[in-house]
Amino acid sequence: MIDRRSFEEVMELAIKKMNGAGPLVRVTMKDAIILGDLHGDLHTLESILEKYGDGHPRYVALGDYVDRGEYQVETLYKVLELFVDGSLIPLRGNHESRLTSFDYGFAEEAMHYLGGDLFNRVLSDLFPRLPYAAVLNDCLFLVHGGVPNPIPSLADIEKLRMGDADPADPVAFQLLWNDPAEIKGYAPNPRGPGIYLFGSDVTESFLKINHLSAIVRGHEFFAEGYELYHDSKVISIFTSKGGVYRQTKPKVLRVVDGEAEIIDVETSQVIKKMALAQREEESSQA
């Protein structure tokens, strides 16, 4: 178990590094590994690091490091440690907020191991500094949830206010909470008020407006560890098999040489390979 002082030290370093960063990160990686929801699954995270190493930078994590799993504090600590040493870029998930932390286990575990003061600093000083989205290689939009209503430009996202323990801006909130669906336009999301399902035409418009090829996101559980939407232009990745997700086959997405590969974490098998260069060319011509 991580001791309180070690956690506080790495958190302070992470906060210092995040200061001045915006809501949208632009990054170039020759060989990137994208992680979906981890939910306290330290063992799967360590397995990924053992297989793929810790290049600088190498990983983008799509949020939801805490809640539901068995090693929430340790998983968050490891994510922060990797961020501090330059190996990983952590995005914000819907579970990195005050709204969810008291309902799915993180508050109880963090209060026990970190104490109330440090836990409150995680909620008020750390989580609100996590970026909402990233653009990888001028090609892929990386986000926890999905496309907000109405469709934003990247410039709109870059103007979002940082620092909210629970995002109040509808665009920020929906970046963390929205889901794709095989529909047209938007529809109410069963998750709750102010949350939407977005259709294939929304995806097409968002990608065209922003000259991007595809969206990579987390947020949804799939037993196989992934799902493809909207003619594979939305790739959903799930990377946890901890806690309630023990039967999951966790996946990561590897982006290398103009291709995206969905890889099974446990077998290292490439489940699906998709070319990205053609979509990028089509987007740039639009």
Foldseek 3Di string as FASTA:
>chain_A
DDAQVLLVVLLVLLLVVLPPPFQEAEDEDQKAKEAFAAAQFVVLVVLVCVVPPQDQAHYEYAENQHFQFDHSSVSVSVQSVSVSVRHYQYAYAQCQAPVNCVPGPNVVVCCVRHNDVVVVCSLQRPRQSGHQWYHYPLAEIEGAADAFPPGDEVVVSRPDDTGHRRDPDLRSNQSRAEHEDQDDAWDDDPVDPSYIYHHLVNLVVNCLRHLYQAYEYENDDDQAQWDAHNVNRYIYGHAYCGRPNVSHQHWIWMAHPQKIFIAGSVPRDGPDIGGRPVSSVVSVVD
